[in-house]
Structures are given as C-alpha cells and as structure tokens.
Amino acid sequence: MTPDSPAIAPVDPVDAGPTDAMIADVFSRGCTSRQALEAVTGRWGVLTVAGLRDGAVRFNALRRRIDGVSEKMLAQTLQALERDGMVAREVRTTIPPHVEYSLTDLGRRVADRLVGLLDVLEGSVDEVSAAQQRYDARREVS
C-alpha cells in the first residue's frame, strides 16, 4: 500500500453479510414481496396482469376483457400494480387524450408465470367440476 492509495476500511464481521431486514421473505408480514404478492394474486390482480400480457391496452378495453370487474376495482388494481412496478401507465397526448396500461419487465415476468397457472386451471375444468360435485354431494349427506 502506497501513501497515496485510499485507505480500506476494515470489515466488521457483524456487517459482513445481509441482515434480516435485507432478506426477502414472503412469509414475513411486513415484507414488500408479500405486499406485491397480494396485489398480483388478489381477486382481480391475476386477470389484470394476464390481460395486459399481449401489450398496451386502454382502461375500458381491459375492463371489457375482464368480465365482471367494476371500474373502481380495476382502477384500484391497476394503481396497486403500478405502485409495485408491474404496470406502466402512459398518458397519450392524442385528441382526445387517453391512457394506456402495459406491463413492465417485472410485470411480464410475473405474467409469464401466471399464464402457466391459468393454463393448468383452464385445462383442468372437468377435474375441478367433478371434485366440486363430489364435495357438494358429501356435504348434502351430512
């Protein structure tokens, strides 16, 4: 080490590794990952993310795509997903102006995983229906 070289601070063994505050744990109540999971997997989150997977879309077009969602719930869902960095909101300066929503890179990664889940569920409708009928029949007997 020369007199002109910068001093290197000694490494404190206590500070050498990640702290509990730095480690993401979706099972921990206060973890940011849990909050993001709740936004994505909420009643309308999955459908919103999947509905945006094919590209940018205007609010009313997305609302028509997601049958049954109210304007208020879709707006709240989009806001939560935008806050978590999964959805981008872009105001188009056209006449008349309009807003388009699209997925961010993070949103696309999440959507890719969710679409696999949706495919499994849609492909298993007969199996799910049969299970529901068996369950309901058992409940009626009791």
Protein backbone atom coordinates (compact mmCIF):
# COMPACT_ATOMS: atom_id res chain seq x y z
CA MET A 1 0.00 0.00 0.00
CA THR A 2 1.42 3.37 -1.00
CA PRO A 3 0.88 6.60 0.90
CA ASP A 4 -1.35 7.85 -1.97
CA SER A 5 -3.63 4.78 -2.13
CA PRO A 6 -7.02 5.09 -0.44
CA ALA A 7 -7.43 3.50 2.94
CA ILE A 8 -9.53 0.38 3.02
CA ALA A 9 -11.87 0.24 5.96
CA PRO A 10 -11.65 -2.94 8.00
CA VAL A 11 -14.61 -5.28 7.55
CA ASP A 12 -16.71 -5.64 10.67
CA PRO A 13 -17.84 -9.31 10.87
CA VAL A 14 -21.23 -8.17 12.11
CA ASP A 15 -21.76 -6.06 8.97
CA ALA A 16 -20.26 -8.56 6.53
CA GLY A 17 -23.47 -10.25 5.44
CA PRO A 18 -27.09 -9.43 4.77
CA THR A 19 -29.27 -8.52 7.70
CA ASP A 20 -32.73 -9.86 8.36
CA ALA A 21 -34.09 -6.56 7.04
CA MET A 22 -32.41 -7.21 3.66
CA ILE A 23 -33.66 -10.75 3.13
CA ALA A 24 -36.98 -11.03 1.31
CA ASP A 25 -39.37 -13.48 2.93
CA VAL A 26 -42.90 -13.65 1.58
CA PHE A 27 -43.97 -15.41 4.79
CA SER A 28 -42.97 -12.36 6.85
CA ARG A 29 -45.88 -9.99 7.50
CA GLY A 30 -44.01 -6.78 6.67
CA CYS A 31 -42.09 -8.00 3.63
CA THR A 32 -42.51 -5.99 0.44
CA SER A 33 -42.71 -9.23 -1.53
CA ARG A 34 -45.86 -10.20 0.39
CA GLN A 35 -47.49 -6.88 -0.43
CA ALA A 36 -46.67 -7.34 -4.11
CA LEU A 37 -47.97 -10.92 -3.97
CA GLU A 38 -51.24 -9.70 -2.51
CA ALA A 39 -51.66 -7.16 -5.33
CA VAL A 40 -50.92 -9.75 -8.01
CA THR A 41 -52.93 -12.62 -6.57
CA GLY A 42 -55.91 -10.59 -5.40
CA ARG A 43 -59.27 -11.27 -6.96
CA TRP A 44 -58.57 -9.07 -9.97
CA GLY A 45 -54.77 -8.88 -9.98
CA VAL A 46 -54.16 -12.14 -11.82
CA LEU A 47 -56.66 -11.30 -14.53
CA THR A 48 -55.34 -7.76 -14.90
CA VAL A 49 -51.74 -8.90 -15.29
CA ALA A 50 -52.76 -11.67 -17.70
CA GLY A 51 -54.99 -9.25 -19.61
CA LEU A 52 -52.07 -6.91 -20.19
CA ARG A 53 -49.73 -9.66 -21.36
CA ASP A 54 -50.44 -9.12 -25.06
CA GLY A 55 -49.48 -5.44 -25.00
CA ALA A 56 -50.65 -1.95 -24.11
CA VAL A 57 -54.36 -1.51 -23.70
CA ARG A 58 -56.74 1.25 -22.76
CA PHE A 59 -58.68 1.12 -19.49
CA ASN A 60 -62.12 0.36 -20.97
CA ALA A 61 -60.76 -2.30 -23.30
CA LEU A 62 -59.14 -4.02 -20.32
CA ARG A 63 -62.36 -3.70 -18.34
CA ARG A 64 -64.32 -5.36 -21.15
CA ARG A 65 -61.73 -8.15 -21.30
CA ILE A 66 -62.04 -8.87 -17.56
CA ASP A 67 -65.70 -9.77 -17.33
CA GLY A 68 -67.27 -8.75 -14.02
CA VAL A 69 -64.67 -6.27 -12.74
CA SER A 70 -66.05 -2.88 -11.73
CA GLU A 71 -64.45 0.35 -12.86
CA LYS A 72 -63.47 1.12 -9.26
CA MET A 73 -61.85 -2.28 -8.63
CA LEU A 74 -59.94 -2.23 -11.90
CA ALA A 75 -58.65 1.28 -11.15
CA GLN A 76 -57.54 0.21 -7.66
CA THR A 77 -55.90 -2.94 -9.01
CA LEU A 78 -54.02 -1.02 -11.71
CA GLN A 79 -52.83 1.53 -9.14
CA ALA A 80 -51.54 -1.19 -6.82
CA LEU A 81 -49.76 -2.97 -9.68
CA GLU A 82 -48.29 0.31 -10.90
CA ARG A 83 -47.06 1.10 -7.39
CA ASP A 84 -45.33 -2.29 -7.23
CA GLY A 85 -43.63 -1.69 -10.57
CA MET A 86 -45.55 -4.26 -12.60
CA VAL A 87 -47.74 -1.93 -14.66
CA ALA A 88 -46.81 1.23 -16.54
CA ARG A 89 -49.41 3.94 -17.10
CA GLU A 90 -48.89 6.18 -20.12
CA VAL A 91 -51.00 9.22 -20.97
CA ARG A 92 -51.23 9.57 -24.76
CA THR A 93 -51.44 13.15 -25.96
CA THR A 94 -53.89 12.41 -28.72
CA ILE A 95 -57.19 14.14 -29.39
CA PRO A 96 -58.96 13.19 -27.26
CA PRO A 97 -56.20 12.19 -24.83
CA HIS A 98 -56.28 8.68 -23.46
CA VAL A 99 -54.37 6.45 -21.07
CA GLU A 100 -52.79 3.11 -21.91
CA TYR A 101 -51.59 0.47 -19.49
CA SER A 102 -48.85 -2.04 -20.18
CA LEU A 103 -46.64 -4.44 -18.28
CA THR A 104 -43.14 -3.52 -17.20
CA ASP A 105 -40.33 -6.07 -17.50
CA LEU A 106 -41.17 -7.25 -13.98
CA GLY A 107 -44.85 -7.43 -14.89
CA ARG A 108 -44.07 -9.55 -17.97
CA ARG A 109 -42.03 -11.99 -15.88
CA VAL A 110 -44.89 -12.29 -13.40
CA ALA A 111 -47.45 -12.62 -16.22
CA ASP A 112 -45.48 -15.45 -17.83
CA ARG A 113 -45.69 -17.42 -14.59
CA LEU A 114 -49.36 -16.63 -14.02
CA VAL A 115 -50.37 -17.65 -17.52
CA GLY A 116 -48.95 -21.12 -16.84
CA LEU A 117 -51.19 -21.35 -13.77
CA LEU A 118 -54.19 -20.18 -15.78
CA ASP A 119 -53.46 -22.80 -18.44
CA VAL A 120 -53.40 -25.54 -15.79
CA LEU A 121 -56.70 -24.35 -14.30
CA GLU A 122 -58.46 -23.97 -17.64
CA GLY A 123 -57.20 -27.39 -18.74
CA SER A 124 -58.50 -28.94 -15.52
CA VAL A 125 -62.05 -27.60 -15.53
CA ASP A 126 -63.58 -31.08 -15.86
CA GLU A 127 -61.48 -32.39 -12.98
CA VAL A 128 -62.36 -29.39 -10.80
CA SER A 129 -66.07 -29.67 -11.62
CA ALA A 130 -66.08 -33.37 -10.73
CA ALA A 131 -64.30 -32.67 -7.44
CA GLN A 132 -66.79 -29.91 -6.61
CA GLN A 133 -69.72 -32.22 -7.31
CA ARG A 134 -68.26 -34.96 -5.08
CA TYR A 135 -67.61 -32.46 -2.30
CA ASP A 136 -71.10 -30.96 -2.54
CA ALA A 137 -72.67 -34.43 -2.53
CA ARG A 138 -70.79 -35.34 0.66
CA ARG A 139 -71.89 -32.08 2.32
CA GLU A 140 -75.56 -32.73 1.44
CA VAL A 141 -75.45 -36.18 3.07
CA SER A 142 -74.04 -34.85 6.35
